[in-house]
Amino acid sequence: MDRAEQLALVAGAAADQWGMITTAQAKELGVGAVRLLRLAEAGLLENVSRGVYVVTAAGMPRHQDIKAAWLRLMPKEFAWDRPPGHPDSGVVSHASACLLHELGDIPAPEVEITVPRRRTTTEPFVRLRTAPLDEGEVTVVDGLPVTTALRTITDLLRAKADGGHVGGVIAEAERRGLVDLDDLAERVRPFSRGYGLKPTATGRDVIYHLVRQAGESLRRQQVELAGREGFAEAVRLLSARPDLAAQLARHAGPVNRWAAAAAPERRSTPPDLPGTAQFSMPS
């Protein structure tokens, strides 16, 4: 097998693994360690981690450290042959999952991977965490199995990550629709005391507390604020324009009839209406 054939075999397999291949995988294809070394010396491959090469022409993949660490968990198995839930495989989690989801700015000095049974590694910047994962707690990001945003946030709280950093992750996940606040509130409630809240705090209390620590706000809070500001502005306009309020009252329902009645008298607060939030009118 000449060099061109060796490279073609390696590159063909690496194409479905972000341009990466392990020494053990290459051996399965008939390209041994010595041949890999020769390809690297020729500038056709680059050794990016222990036992992991990248095809130079493919360029460096994003988050290559995470991908290399995941490939090394089952070095002989190609990515497409790894069944979900395999006892020797793993799922990218914690701060590393935040990187892949692009959530917040939590520091990620290590590659964190959750495995279903206890395993050890000699890699200094890889941390394997042992925990069970339900099928619904795993998604795929850039071809990698990754914990969902909901599970990732829960893992960070369980690991006692900085509250402000977790709050930033929560805010970004909520704005992008990656978490449901009701589901999240149920998951985070047990962590209230660990983050300085009373044991009686609700899950919503925990969420808002963490988000405030991050100096962020939730989309729901922004929508509610915009609604309150818009309502107050409408009240100011109708108070200044009783003629407009009267016109609206002739063509609309009870809320506008209230507005027409309220505007001439310049009430400081609107009368009670069923289902209508009460707001103070600026003087």
Protein backbone atom coordinates (compact mmCIF):
# COMPACT_ATOMS: atom_id res chain seq x y z
CA MET A 1 0.00 0.00 0.00
CA ASP A 2 1.60 3.27 -1.06
CA ARG A 3 1.34 6.61 0.71
CA ALA A 4 -1.56 7.86 -1.40
CA GLU A 5 -3.60 4.75 -0.63
CA GLN A 6 -2.82 4.99 3.08
CA LEU A 7 -3.91 8.62 3.16
CA ALA A 8 -7.08 7.85 1.22
CA LEU A 9 -8.08 5.18 3.76
CA VAL A 10 -7.36 7.40 6.72
CA ALA A 11 -8.98 10.50 5.24
CA GLY A 12 -12.09 8.56 4.20
CA ALA A 13 -12.74 7.41 7.74
CA ALA A 14 -11.72 10.73 9.30
CA ALA A 15 -14.19 12.61 7.09
CA ASP A 16 -17.04 11.42 9.32
CA GLN A 17 -15.13 12.19 12.51
CA TRP A 18 -14.37 15.90 12.08
CA GLY A 19 -11.22 15.05 10.11
CA MET A 20 -9.85 13.07 13.07
CA ILE A 21 -8.75 9.46 13.49
CA THR A 22 -7.20 7.47 16.31
CA THR A 23 -4.15 5.26 16.00
CA ALA A 24 -6.30 2.24 16.89
CA GLN A 25 -8.86 3.07 14.19
CA ALA A 26 -6.15 3.50 11.57
CA LYS A 27 -4.74 0.11 12.54
CA GLU A 28 -8.17 -1.42 11.94
CA LEU A 29 -7.94 -0.02 8.41
CA GLY A 30 -4.50 -1.54 7.88
CA VAL A 31 -2.50 1.63 8.48
CA GLY A 32 -0.18 1.00 11.43
CA ALA A 33 1.44 3.44 13.84
CA VAL A 34 4.68 3.66 11.85
CA ARG A 35 2.82 4.52 8.66
CA LEU A 36 0.81 7.16 10.51
CA LEU A 37 4.05 8.66 11.75
CA ARG A 38 5.40 8.78 8.20
CA LEU A 39 2.23 10.52 6.99
CA ALA A 40 2.61 13.05 9.82
CA GLU A 41 6.27 13.64 8.93
CA ALA A 42 5.16 14.32 5.36
CA GLY A 43 2.75 16.99 6.66
CA LEU A 44 -0.35 15.01 5.62
CA LEU A 45 -1.46 14.34 9.20
CA GLU A 46 -0.98 16.21 12.46
CA ASN A 47 -0.79 14.61 15.88
CA VAL A 48 -3.15 16.71 18.04
CA SER A 49 -3.46 14.46 21.07
CA ARG A 50 -2.13 11.19 22.39
CA GLY A 51 -3.11 8.61 19.78
CA VAL A 52 -5.25 11.05 17.75
CA TYR A 53 -4.42 12.59 14.37
CA VAL A 54 -6.09 15.19 12.18
CA VAL A 55 -5.95 15.08 8.39
CA THR A 56 -4.11 18.31 7.59
CA ALA A 57 -6.20 19.10 4.51
CA ALA A 58 -9.37 18.98 6.62
CA GLY A 59 -8.23 21.80 8.90
CA MET A 60 -8.47 21.91 12.67
CA PRO A 61 -11.97 21.13 13.97
CA ARG A 62 -13.71 23.28 16.55
CA HIS A 63 -13.41 22.00 20.10
CA GLN A 64 -10.82 19.47 19.00
CA ASP A 65 -9.78 18.69 22.59
CA ILE A 66 -13.33 17.60 23.44
CA LYS A 67 -13.63 15.52 20.28
CA ALA A 68 -10.24 13.89 20.76
CA ALA A 69 -11.07 12.98 24.36
CA TRP A 70 -14.39 11.47 23.32
CA LEU A 71 -12.75 9.43 20.55
CA ARG A 72 -10.18 8.07 23.00
CA LEU A 73 -12.88 6.61 25.25
CA MET A 74 -13.39 3.85 22.67
CA PRO A 75 -10.30 4.23 20.48
CA LYS A 76 -11.00 1.26 18.19
CA GLU A 77 -14.64 2.13 17.54
CA PHE A 78 -15.53 4.62 14.83
CA ALA A 79 -17.96 7.35 15.80
CA TRP A 80 -20.76 5.97 13.65
CA ASP A 81 -20.49 2.53 15.28
CA ARG A 82 -20.88 3.71 18.86
CA PRO A 83 -24.37 2.81 20.08
CA PRO A 84 -26.10 5.24 22.44
CA GLY A 85 -25.76 4.18 26.06
CA HIS A 86 -22.75 1.92 25.48
CA PRO A 87 -21.11 1.22 28.87
CA ASP A 88 -17.69 2.28 27.59
CA SER A 89 -18.79 5.41 25.76
CA GLY A 90 -19.60 8.79 27.27
CA VAL A 91 -21.54 12.03 26.91
CA VAL A 92 -19.98 15.50 26.93
CA SER A 93 -21.30 17.30 30.01
CA HIS A 94 -20.95 20.13 32.52
CA ALA A 95 -18.84 23.11 31.36
CA SER A 96 -17.77 21.27 28.20
CA ALA A 97 -21.44 20.87 27.28
CA CYS A 98 -21.86 24.62 27.73
CA LEU A 99 -19.08 25.17 25.20
CA LEU A 100 -20.78 22.97 22.63
CA HIS A 101 -24.21 24.49 23.27
CA GLU A 102 -22.58 27.96 23.30
CA LEU A 103 -24.22 28.82 26.61
CA GLY A 104 -22.84 31.45 28.97
CA ASP A 105 -19.17 32.08 29.65
CA ILE A 106 -18.44 29.45 32.27
CA PRO A 107 -14.72 28.51 32.42
CA ALA A 108 -13.92 25.07 31.00
CA PRO A 109 -10.27 24.25 31.76
CA GLU A 110 -10.98 20.52 31.54
CA VAL A 111 -12.83 18.29 29.12
CA GLU A 112 -15.75 16.90 31.14
CA ILE A 113 -17.46 13.71 30.03
CA THR A 114 -20.10 11.74 31.91
CA VAL A 115 -19.72 7.97 31.71
CA PRO A 116 -22.21 5.33 32.87
CA ARG A 117 -19.70 3.37 34.93
CA ARG A 118 -16.52 4.25 36.78
CA ARG A 119 -13.51 4.74 34.52
CA THR A 120 -10.11 6.33 34.94
CA THR A 121 -7.95 8.37 32.61
CA THR A 122 -4.33 9.45 32.61
CA GLU A 123 -5.11 12.54 30.57
CA PRO A 124 -4.37 15.59 32.78
CA PHE A 125 -7.07 17.80 31.25
CA VAL A 126 -9.86 15.22 31.00
CA ARG A 127 -12.33 14.63 33.83
CA LEU A 128 -14.64 11.63 33.71
CA ARG A 129 -17.78 11.90 35.84
CA THR A 130 -19.78 8.78 36.68
CA ALA A 131 -23.55 9.18 36.55
CA PRO A 132 -26.55 7.60 34.84
CA LEU A 133 -28.20 9.52 32.01
CA ASP A 134 -31.69 9.02 30.66
CA GLU A 135 -32.15 8.95 26.90
CA GLY A 136 -34.09 12.22 27.07
CA GLU A 137 -31.15 13.95 28.77
CA VAL A 138 -28.83 13.48 25.79
CA THR A 139 -28.82 15.37 22.51
CA VAL A 140 -26.36 15.65 19.61
CA VAL A 141 -24.31 18.77 18.93
CA ASP A 142 -21.81 18.82 16.07
CA GLY A 143 -21.91 15.04 15.91
CA LEU A 144 -21.15 14.58 19.61
CA PRO A 145 -23.49 13.22 22.29
CA VAL A 146 -24.02 16.09 24.74
CA THR A 147 -26.20 16.54 27.80
CA THR A 148 -29.27 18.68 27.15
CA ALA A 149 -29.33 22.24 28.47
CA LEU A 150 -31.68 21.15 31.27
CA ARG A 151 -29.41 18.33 32.42
CA THR A 152 -26.30 20.50 31.96
CA ILE A 153 -27.64 23.19 34.29
CA THR A 154 -28.59 20.55 36.87
CA ASP A 155 -25.11 19.02 36.65
CA LEU A 156 -23.46 22.40 37.15
CA LEU A 157 -25.51 23.07 40.28
CA ARG A 158 -24.77 19.60 41.64
CA ALA A 159 -21.06 20.26 41.06
CA LYS A 160 -21.39 23.57 42.99
CA ALA A 161 -20.37 25.74 40.04
CA ASP A 162 -20.27 29.52 40.53
CA GLY A 163 -23.81 30.89 40.77
CA GLY A 164 -23.20 33.82 38.45
CA HIS A 165 -21.82 31.57 35.75
CA VAL A 166 -24.76 29.18 36.06
CA GLY A 167 -27.13 32.14 35.94
CA GLY A 168 -25.61 33.22 32.64
CA VAL A 169 -26.12 29.72 31.25
CA ILE A 170 -29.75 29.71 32.41
CA ALA A 171 -30.49 33.13 30.90
CA GLU A 172 -29.02 32.19 27.52
CA ALA A 173 -30.76 28.80 27.47
CA GLU A 174 -34.12 30.39 28.28
CA ARG A 175 -33.76 33.11 25.65
CA ARG A 176 -32.96 30.48 23.01
CA GLY A 177 -35.84 28.24 24.05
CA LEU A 178 -33.57 25.39 25.16
CA VAL A 179 -35.24 25.01 28.56
CA ASP A 180 -38.76 25.19 29.92
CA LEU A 181 -38.82 27.27 33.09
CA ASP A 182 -41.35 25.02 34.81
CA ASP A 183 -39.20 21.94 34.20
CA LEU A 184 -36.07 23.81 35.21
CA ALA A 185 -37.66 25.14 38.41
CA GLU A 186 -38.47 21.60 39.49
CA ARG A 187 -34.89 20.47 38.86
CA VAL A 188 -33.12 23.37 40.61
CA ARG A 189 -35.27 23.69 43.74
CA PRO A 190 -33.19 21.19 45.80
CA PHE A 191 -30.12 23.40 45.36
CA SER A 192 -31.59 26.48 47.08
CA ARG A 193 -29.58 26.23 50.32
CA GLY A 194 -26.33 25.61 48.48
CA TYR A 195 -26.74 28.97 46.76
CA GLY A 196 -27.64 31.05 49.80
CA LEU A 197 -31.43 30.80 49.74
CA LYS A 198 -33.80 29.54 52.42
CA PRO A 199 -34.93 25.91 52.31
CA THR A 200 -38.44 27.19 51.59
CA ALA A 201 -37.32 28.92 48.37
CA THR A 202 -39.10 27.78 45.25
CA GLY A 203 -37.43 26.66 42.06
CA ARG A 204 -38.37 30.00 40.49
CA ASP A 205 -36.65 31.77 43.38
CA VAL A 206 -33.47 29.83 42.66
CA ILE A 207 -33.63 30.63 38.94
CA TYR A 208 -34.16 34.37 39.44
CA HIS A 209 -31.48 34.49 42.15
CA LEU A 210 -28.88 32.91 39.87
CA VAL A 211 -29.85 35.02 36.87
CA ARG A 212 -29.57 38.20 38.95
CA GLN A 213 -26.10 37.13 40.10
CA ALA A 214 -25.12 36.96 36.44
CA GLY A 215 -26.45 40.47 35.84
CA GLU A 216 -28.87 38.99 33.30
CA SER A 217 -32.61 38.82 32.83
CA LEU A 218 -34.91 36.21 31.41
CA ARG A 219 -36.85 36.68 28.19
CA ARG A 220 -40.06 36.23 30.17
CA GLN A 221 -39.05 39.07 32.49
CA GLN A 222 -38.24 41.29 29.51
CA VAL A 223 -41.61 40.55 27.90
CA GLU A 224 -43.47 41.27 31.14
CA LEU A 225 -41.55 44.54 31.59
CA ALA A 226 -42.27 45.60 28.03
CA GLY A 227 -45.95 44.82 28.58
CA ARG A 228 -46.09 46.92 31.74
CA GLU A 229 -44.29 49.82 30.08
CA GLY A 230 -46.55 49.60 27.03
CA PHE A 231 -49.68 49.58 29.21
CA ALA A 232 -48.50 52.60 31.18
CA GLU A 233 -47.71 54.47 27.96
CA ALA A 234 -51.21 53.72 26.62
CA VAL A 235 -52.74 55.08 29.82
CA ARG A 236 -50.69 58.29 29.52
CA LEU A 237 -51.72 58.74 25.89
CA LEU A 238 -55.43 58.24 26.56
CA SER A 239 -55.30 60.55 29.55
CA ALA A 240 -53.83 63.29 27.36
CA ARG A 241 -56.27 62.61 24.48
CA PRO A 242 -59.85 62.22 25.79
CA ASP A 243 -61.12 62.63 22.20
CA LEU A 244 -59.12 59.57 21.13
CA ALA A 245 -60.38 57.61 24.12
CA ALA A 246 -63.97 58.44 23.21
CA GLN A 247 -63.44 57.26 19.63
CA LEU A 248 -61.96 53.99 20.81
CA ALA A 249 -64.84 53.44 23.18
CA ARG A 250 -67.34 53.63 20.31
CA HIS A 251 -65.55 50.91 18.34
CA ALA A 252 -64.14 48.53 20.94
CA GLY A 253 -64.90 46.48 24.02
CA PRO A 254 -64.89 47.02 27.77
CA VAL A 255 -61.20 47.82 28.16
CA ASN A 256 -61.42 50.78 25.79
CA ARG A 257 -64.69 51.91 27.35
CA TRP A 258 -62.84 51.93 30.66
CA ALA A 259 -60.11 54.02 28.98
CA ALA A 260 -62.65 56.52 27.70
CA ALA A 261 -64.15 56.83 31.14
CA ALA A 262 -60.79 57.08 32.83
CA ALA A 263 -59.14 59.61 30.55
CA PRO A 264 -61.33 62.70 31.19
CA GLU A 265 -61.06 62.26 34.93
CA ARG A 266 -57.25 61.75 34.75
CA ARG A 267 -57.45 58.94 37.31
CA SER A 268 -54.17 58.05 39.03
CA THR A 269 -55.06 54.35 38.80
CA PRO A 270 -57.56 52.52 36.58
CA PRO A 271 -60.68 51.00 38.12
CA ASP A 272 -60.62 47.28 38.79
CA LEU A 273 -61.37 45.09 35.82
CA PRO A 274 -61.45 41.28 35.92
CA GLY A 275 -58.14 39.87 34.72
CA THR A 276 -56.55 43.32 34.29
CA ALA A 277 -53.22 44.02 35.99
CA GLN A 278 -53.13 47.17 38.07
CA PHE A 279 -50.43 49.75 37.45
CA SER A 280 -49.83 53.23 38.83
CA MET A 281 -50.18 56.06 36.35
CA PRO A 282 -47.37 58.61 36.40
CA SER A 283 -48.51 62.04 37.54
